[in-house]
């Protein structure tokens, strides 16, 4: 599928901040981001398949 994909994470710098994952998930839901657009809801096989269909970025000088 084309379009924007998201990864929800905590940006944690300490173990106690890992709970922030729930805040990120809640915010994505509030903003109407469907689960299928969030890459960390995908199975490992879905992620591998998606990466197989993409070209590596090129670096311009």
PDB file of N, CA and C in Angstrom:
ATOM      1  N   UNK A   1       0.818  -1.202   0.000  1.00  0.00           N
ATOM      2  CA  UNK A   1       0.000   0.000   0.000  1.00  0.00           C
ATOM      3  C   UNK A   1       0.856   1.258   0.000  1.00  0.00           C
ATOM      4  N   UNK A   2       0.395   2.259  -0.652  1.00  0.00           N
ATOM      5  CA  UNK A   2       1.095   3.540  -0.695  1.00  0.00           C
ATOM      6  C   UNK A   2       0.643   4.403   0.478  1.00  0.00           C
ATOM      7  N   UNK A   3       1.429   5.401   0.794  1.00  0.00           N
ATOM      8  CA  UNK A   3       1.042   6.332   1.841  1.00  0.00           C
ATOM      9  C   UNK A   3       2.000   6.318   3.010  1.00  0.00           C
ATOM     10  N   UNK A   4       1.574   6.977   4.059  1.00  0.00           N
ATOM     11  CA  UNK A   4       2.404   7.152   5.245  1.00  0.00           C
ATOM     12  C   UNK A   4       2.171   6.002   6.221  1.00  0.00           C
ATOM     13  N   UNK A   5       3.258   5.510   6.775  1.00  0.00           N
ATOM     14  CA  UNK A   5       3.191   4.514   7.834  1.00  0.00           C
ATOM     15  C   UNK A   5       3.776   5.125   9.095  1.00  0.00           C
ATOM     16  N   UNK A   6       3.402   4.594  10.228  1.00  0.00           N
ATOM     17  CA  UNK A   6       3.821   5.126  11.518  1.00  0.00           C
ATOM     18  C   UNK A   6       4.449   4.023  12.352  1.00  0.00           C
ATOM     19  N   UNK A   7       5.349   4.415  13.231  1.00  0.00           N
ATOM     20  CA  UNK A   7       5.860   3.532  14.276  1.00  0.00           C
ATOM     21  C   UNK A   7       5.615   4.259  15.592  1.00  0.00           C
ATOM     22  N   UNK A   8       4.923   3.625  16.493  1.00  0.00           N
ATOM     23  CA  UNK A   8       4.633   4.218  17.796  1.00  0.00           C
ATOM     24  C   UNK A   8       5.679   3.701  18.769  1.00  0.00           C
ATOM     25  N   UNK A   9       6.374   4.635  19.437  1.00  0.00           N
ATOM     26  CA  UNK A   9       7.365   4.221  20.420  1.00  0.00           C
ATOM     27  C   UNK A   9       7.337   5.159  21.612  1.00  0.00           C
ATOM     28  N   UNK A  10       8.169   4.884  22.586  1.00  0.00           N
ATOM     29  CA  UNK A  10       8.161   5.648  23.833  1.00  0.00           C
ATOM     30  C   UNK A  10       9.192   6.763  23.868  1.00  0.00           C
ATOM     31  N   UNK A  11      10.238   6.661  23.070  1.00  0.00           N
ATOM     32  CA  UNK A  11      11.402   7.535  23.180  1.00  0.00           C
ATOM     33  C   UNK A  11      11.941   7.498  24.613  1.00  0.00           C
ATOM     34  N   UNK A  12      11.849   6.322  25.227  1.00  0.00           N
ATOM     35  CA  UNK A  12      12.226   6.160  26.630  1.00  0.00           C
ATOM     36  C   UNK A  12      13.727   6.320  26.835  1.00  0.00           C
ATOM     37  N   UNK A  13      14.055   6.953  27.940  1.00  0.00           N
ATOM     38  CA  UNK A  13      15.447   7.086  28.366  1.00  0.00           C
ATOM     39  C   UNK A  13      15.657   6.440  29.730  1.00  0.00           C
ATOM     40  N   UNK A  14      14.600   5.838  30.258  1.00  0.00           N
ATOM     41  CA  UNK A  14      14.669   5.136  31.540  1.00  0.00           C
ATOM     42  C   UNK A  14      13.564   4.079  31.547  1.00  0.00           C
ATOM     43  N   UNK A  15      13.771   2.978  32.281  1.00  0.00           N
ATOM     44  CA  UNK A  15      12.773   1.909  32.275  1.00  0.00           C
ATOM     45  C   UNK A  15      11.354   2.368  32.623  1.00  0.00           C
ATOM     46  N   UNK A  16      11.215   3.300  33.535  1.00  0.00           N
ATOM     47  CA  UNK A  16       9.892   3.780  33.926  1.00  0.00           C
ATOM     48  C   UNK A  16       9.147   4.493  32.812  1.00  0.00           C
ATOM     49  N   UNK A  17       9.876   4.921  31.800  1.00  0.00           N
ATOM     50  CA  UNK A  17       9.247   5.635  30.688  1.00  0.00           C
ATOM     51  C   UNK A  17       8.676   4.690  29.632  1.00  0.00           C
ATOM     52  N   UNK A  18       8.907   3.397  29.768  1.00  0.00           N
ATOM     53  CA  UNK A  18       8.362   2.444  28.803  1.00  0.00           C
ATOM     54  C   UNK A  18       6.836   2.438  28.817  1.00  0.00           C
ATOM     55  N   UNK A  19       6.244   2.843  29.929  1.00  0.00           N
ATOM     56  CA  UNK A  19       4.782   2.934  30.007  1.00  0.00           C
ATOM     57  C   UNK A  19       4.227   3.993  29.060  1.00  0.00           C
ATOM     58  N   UNK A  20       5.067   4.870  28.572  1.00  0.00           N
ATOM     59  CA  UNK A  20       4.612   5.915  27.649  1.00  0.00           C
ATOM     60  C   UNK A  20       4.113   5.327  26.332  1.00  0.00           C
ATOM     61  N   UNK A  21       4.437   4.063  26.068  1.00  0.00           N
ATOM     62  CA  UNK A  21       3.949   3.403  24.856  1.00  0.00           C
ATOM     63  C   UNK A  21       2.426   3.505  24.779  1.00  0.00           C
ATOM     64  N   UNK A  22       1.776   3.339  25.902  1.00  0.00           N
ATOM     65  CA  UNK A  22       0.311   3.417  25.928  1.00  0.00           C
ATOM     66  C   UNK A  22      -0.178   4.804  25.535  1.00  0.00           C
ATOM     67  N   UNK A  23       0.552   5.840  25.927  1.00  0.00           N
ATOM     68  CA  UNK A  23       0.176   7.202  25.537  1.00  0.00           C
ATOM     69  C   UNK A  23       0.284   7.381  24.029  1.00  0.00           C
ATOM     70  N   UNK A  24       1.345   6.853  23.444  1.00  0.00           N
ATOM     71  CA  UNK A  24       1.519   6.941  21.998  1.00  0.00           C
ATOM     72  C   UNK A  24       0.424   6.204  21.253  1.00  0.00           C
ATOM     73  N   UNK A  25       0.061   5.034  21.752  1.00  0.00           N
ATOM     74  CA  UNK A  25      -1.019   4.257  21.122  1.00  0.00           C
ATOM     75  C   UNK A  25      -2.347   4.992  21.239  1.00  0.00           C
ATOM     76  N   UNK A  26      -2.616   5.570  22.402  1.00  0.00           N
ATOM     77  CA  UNK A  26      -3.863   6.312  22.598  1.00  0.00           C
ATOM     78  C   UNK A  26      -3.922   7.519  21.671  1.00  0.00           C
ATOM     79  N   UNK A  27      -2.802   8.203  21.526  1.00  0.00           N
ATOM     80  CA  UNK A  27      -2.771   9.383  20.647  1.00  0.00           C
ATOM     81  C   UNK A  27      -2.993   8.986  19.195  1.00  0.00           C
ATOM     82  N   UNK A  28      -2.400   7.909  18.759  1.00  0.00           N
ATOM     83  CA  UNK A  28      -2.614   7.436  17.389  1.00  0.00           C
ATOM     84  C   UNK A  28      -4.092   7.121  17.170  1.00  0.00           C
ATOM     85  N   UNK A  29      -4.714   6.495  18.155  1.00  0.00           N
ATOM     86  CA  UNK A  29      -6.139   6.175  18.045  1.00  0.00           C
ATOM     87  C   UNK A  29      -6.978   7.451  17.990  1.00  0.00           C
ATOM     88  N   UNK A  30      -6.663   8.424  18.856  1.00  0.00           N
ATOM     89  CA  UNK A  30      -7.384   9.704  18.861  1.00  0.00           C
ATOM     90  C   UNK A  30      -7.286  10.416  17.517  1.00  0.00           C
ATOM     91  N   UNK A  31      -6.146  10.258  16.866  1.00  0.00           N
ATOM     92  CA  UNK A  31      -5.910  10.922  15.574  1.00  0.00           C
ATOM     93  C   UNK A  31      -6.455  10.123  14.398  1.00  0.00           C
ATOM     94  N   UNK A  32      -7.047   8.975  14.681  1.00  0.00           N
ATOM     95  CA  UNK A  32      -7.664   8.180  13.630  1.00  0.00           C
ATOM     96  C   UNK A  32      -6.700   7.378  12.785  1.00  0.00           C
ATOM     97  N   UNK A  33      -5.511   7.103  13.319  1.00  0.00           N
ATOM     98  CA  UNK A  33      -4.540   6.295  12.575  1.00  0.00           C
ATOM     99  C   UNK A  33      -4.970   4.831  12.671  1.00  0.00           C
ATOM    100  N   UNK A  34      -5.301   4.200  11.552  1.00  0.00           N
ATOM    101  CA  UNK A  34      -5.713   2.795  11.616  1.00  0.00           C
ATOM    102  C   UNK A  34      -4.528   1.887  11.948  1.00  0.00           C
ATOM    103  N   UNK A  35      -4.795   0.816  12.674  1.00  0.00           N
ATOM    104  CA  UNK A  35      -3.734  -0.096  13.123  1.00  0.00           C
ATOM    105  C   UNK A  35      -2.895  -0.611  11.968  1.00  0.00           C
ATOM    106  N   UNK A  36      -3.496  -0.840  10.806  1.00  0.00           N
ATOM    107  CA  UNK A  36      -2.724  -1.377   9.676  1.00  0.00           C
ATOM    108  C   UNK A  36      -1.707  -0.380   9.130  1.00  0.00           C
ATOM    109  N   UNK A  37      -1.759   0.883   9.545  1.00  0.00           N
ATOM    110  CA  UNK A  37      -0.776   1.887   9.127  1.00  0.00           C
ATOM    111  C   UNK A  37       0.357   2.016  10.148  1.00  0.00           C
ATOM    112  N   UNK A  38       0.271   1.283  11.253  1.00  0.00           N
ATOM    113  CA  UNK A  38       1.284   1.343  12.313  1.00  0.00           C
ATOM    114  C   UNK A  38       2.147   0.094  12.209  1.00  0.00           C
ATOM    115  N   UNK A  39       3.411   0.283  11.824  1.00  0.00           N
ATOM    116  CA  UNK A  39       4.259  -0.865  11.498  1.00  0.00           C
ATOM    117  C   UNK A  39       4.510  -1.787  12.680  1.00  0.00           C
ATOM    118  N   UNK A  40       4.483  -1.279  13.897  1.00  0.00           N
ATOM    119  CA  UNK A  40       4.724  -2.192  15.003  1.00  0.00           C
ATOM    120  C   UNK A  40       3.464  -2.939  15.447  1.00  0.00           C
ATOM    121  N   UNK A  41       2.416  -2.910  14.626  1.00  0.00           N
ATOM    122  CA  UNK A  41       1.290  -3.834  14.815  1.00  0.00           C
ATOM    123  C   UNK A  41       1.378  -4.987  13.825  1.00  0.00           C
ATOM    124  N   UNK A  42       2.311  -4.894  12.881  1.00  0.00           N
ATOM    125  CA  UNK A  42       2.453  -5.916  11.843  1.00  0.00           C
ATOM    126  C   UNK A  42       3.157  -7.152  12.394  1.00  0.00           C
ATOM    127  N   UNK A  43       2.888  -8.275  11.759  1.00  0.00           N
ATOM    128  CA  UNK A  43       3.652  -9.486  12.069  1.00  0.00           C
ATOM    129  C   UNK A  43       5.043  -9.338  11.448  1.00  0.00           C
ATOM    130  N   UNK A  44       5.967 -10.156  11.894  1.00  0.00           N
ATOM    131  CA  UNK A  44       7.315 -10.119  11.314  1.00  0.00           C
ATOM    132  C   UNK A  44       7.259 -10.399   9.815  1.00  0.00           C
ATOM    133  N   UNK A  45       6.405 -11.330   9.415  1.00  0.00           N
ATOM    134  CA  UNK A  45       6.295 -11.652   7.988  1.00  0.00           C
ATOM    135  C   UNK A  45       5.740 -10.473   7.187  1.00  0.00           C
ATOM    136  N   UNK A  46       4.768  -9.764   7.713  1.00  0.00           N
ATOM    137  CA  UNK A  46       4.241  -8.579   7.017  1.00  0.00           C
ATOM    138  C   UNK A  46       5.338  -7.531   6.838  1.00  0.00           C
ATOM    139  N   UNK A  47       6.139  -7.324   7.871  1.00  0.00           N
ATOM    140  CA  UNK A  47       7.216  -6.341   7.789  1.00  0.00           C
ATOM    141  C   UNK A  47       8.268  -6.770   6.775  1.00  0.00           C
ATOM    142  N   UNK A  48       8.641  -8.050   6.787  1.00  0.00           N
ATOM    143  CA  UNK A  48       9.615  -8.546   5.804  1.00  0.00           C
ATOM    144  C   UNK A  48       9.085  -8.384   4.387  1.00  0.00           C
ATOM    145  N   UNK A  49       7.829  -8.717   4.169  1.00  0.00           N
ATOM    146  CA  UNK A  49       7.233  -8.589   2.835  1.00  0.00           C
ATOM    147  C   UNK A  49       7.235  -7.134   2.378  1.00  0.00           C
ATOM    148  N   UNK A  50       6.887  -6.229   3.260  1.00  0.00           N
ATOM    149  CA  UNK A  50       6.880  -4.806   2.913  1.00  0.00           C
ATOM    150  C   UNK A  50       8.290  -4.336   2.546  1.00  0.00           C
ATOM    151  N   UNK A  51       9.290  -4.756   3.317  1.00  0.00           N
ATOM    152  CA  UNK A  51      10.655  -4.324   3.016  1.00  0.00           C
ATOM    153  C   UNK A  51      11.163  -4.927   1.712  1.00  0.00           C
ATOM    154  N   UNK A  52      10.705  -6.119   1.362  1.00  0.00           N
ATOM    155  CA  UNK A  52      11.115  -6.728   0.088  1.00  0.00           C
ATOM    156  C   UNK A  52      10.593  -5.945  -1.110  1.00  0.00           C
ATOM    157  N   UNK A  53       9.503  -5.228  -0.941  1.00  0.00           N
ATOM    158  CA  UNK A  53       8.902  -4.500  -2.062  1.00  0.00           C
ATOM    159  C   UNK A  53       9.427  -3.076  -2.186  1.00  0.00           C
ATOM    160  N   UNK A  54      10.385  -2.708  -1.380  1.00  0.00           N
ATOM    161  CA  UNK A  54      10.924  -1.341  -1.375  1.00  0.00           C
ATOM    162  C   UNK A  54      12.351  -1.338  -1.895  1.00  0.00           C
ATOM    163  N   UNK A  55      12.702  -0.260  -2.566  1.00  0.00           N
ATOM    164  CA  UNK A  55      14.085  -0.078  -3.002  1.00  0.00           C
ATOM    165  C   UNK A  55      14.853   0.647  -1.908  1.00  0.00           C
ATOM    166  N   UNK A  56      16.122   0.335  -1.801  1.00  0.00           N
ATOM    167  CA  UNK A  56      16.967   1.035  -0.845  1.00  0.00           C
ATOM    168  C   UNK A  56      17.099   2.487  -1.278  1.00  0.00           C
ATOM    169  N   UNK A  57      17.099   3.411  -0.328  1.00  0.00           N
ATOM    170  CA  UNK A  57      17.261   4.818  -0.704  1.00  0.00           C
ATOM    171  C   UNK A  57      18.629   5.057  -1.330  1.00  0.00           C
ATOM    172  N   UNK A  58      18.678   5.966  -2.262  1.00  0.00           N
ATOM    173  CA  UNK A  58      19.955   6.319  -2.881  1.00  0.00           C
ATOM    174  C   UNK A  58      20.474   7.582  -2.232  1.00  0.00           C
ATOM    175  N   UNK A  59      21.757   7.671  -2.176  1.00  0.00           N
ATOM    176  CA  UNK A  59      22.385   8.837  -1.561  1.00  0.00           C
ATOM    177  C   UNK A  59      22.925   9.728  -2.660  1.00  0.00           C
ATOM    178  N   UNK A  60      22.451  10.952  -2.679  1.00  0.00           N
ATOM    179  CA  UNK A  60      22.921  11.895  -3.685  1.00  0.00           C
ATOM    180  C   UNK A  60      24.094  12.686  -3.131  1.00  0.00           C
ATOM    181  N   UNK A  61      25.078  12.936  -3.996  1.00  0.00           N
ATOM    182  CA  UNK A  61      26.276  13.676  -3.564  1.00  0.00           C
ATOM    183  C   UNK A  61      25.997  15.152  -3.470  1.00  0.00           C
TER     184      UNK A  61
END
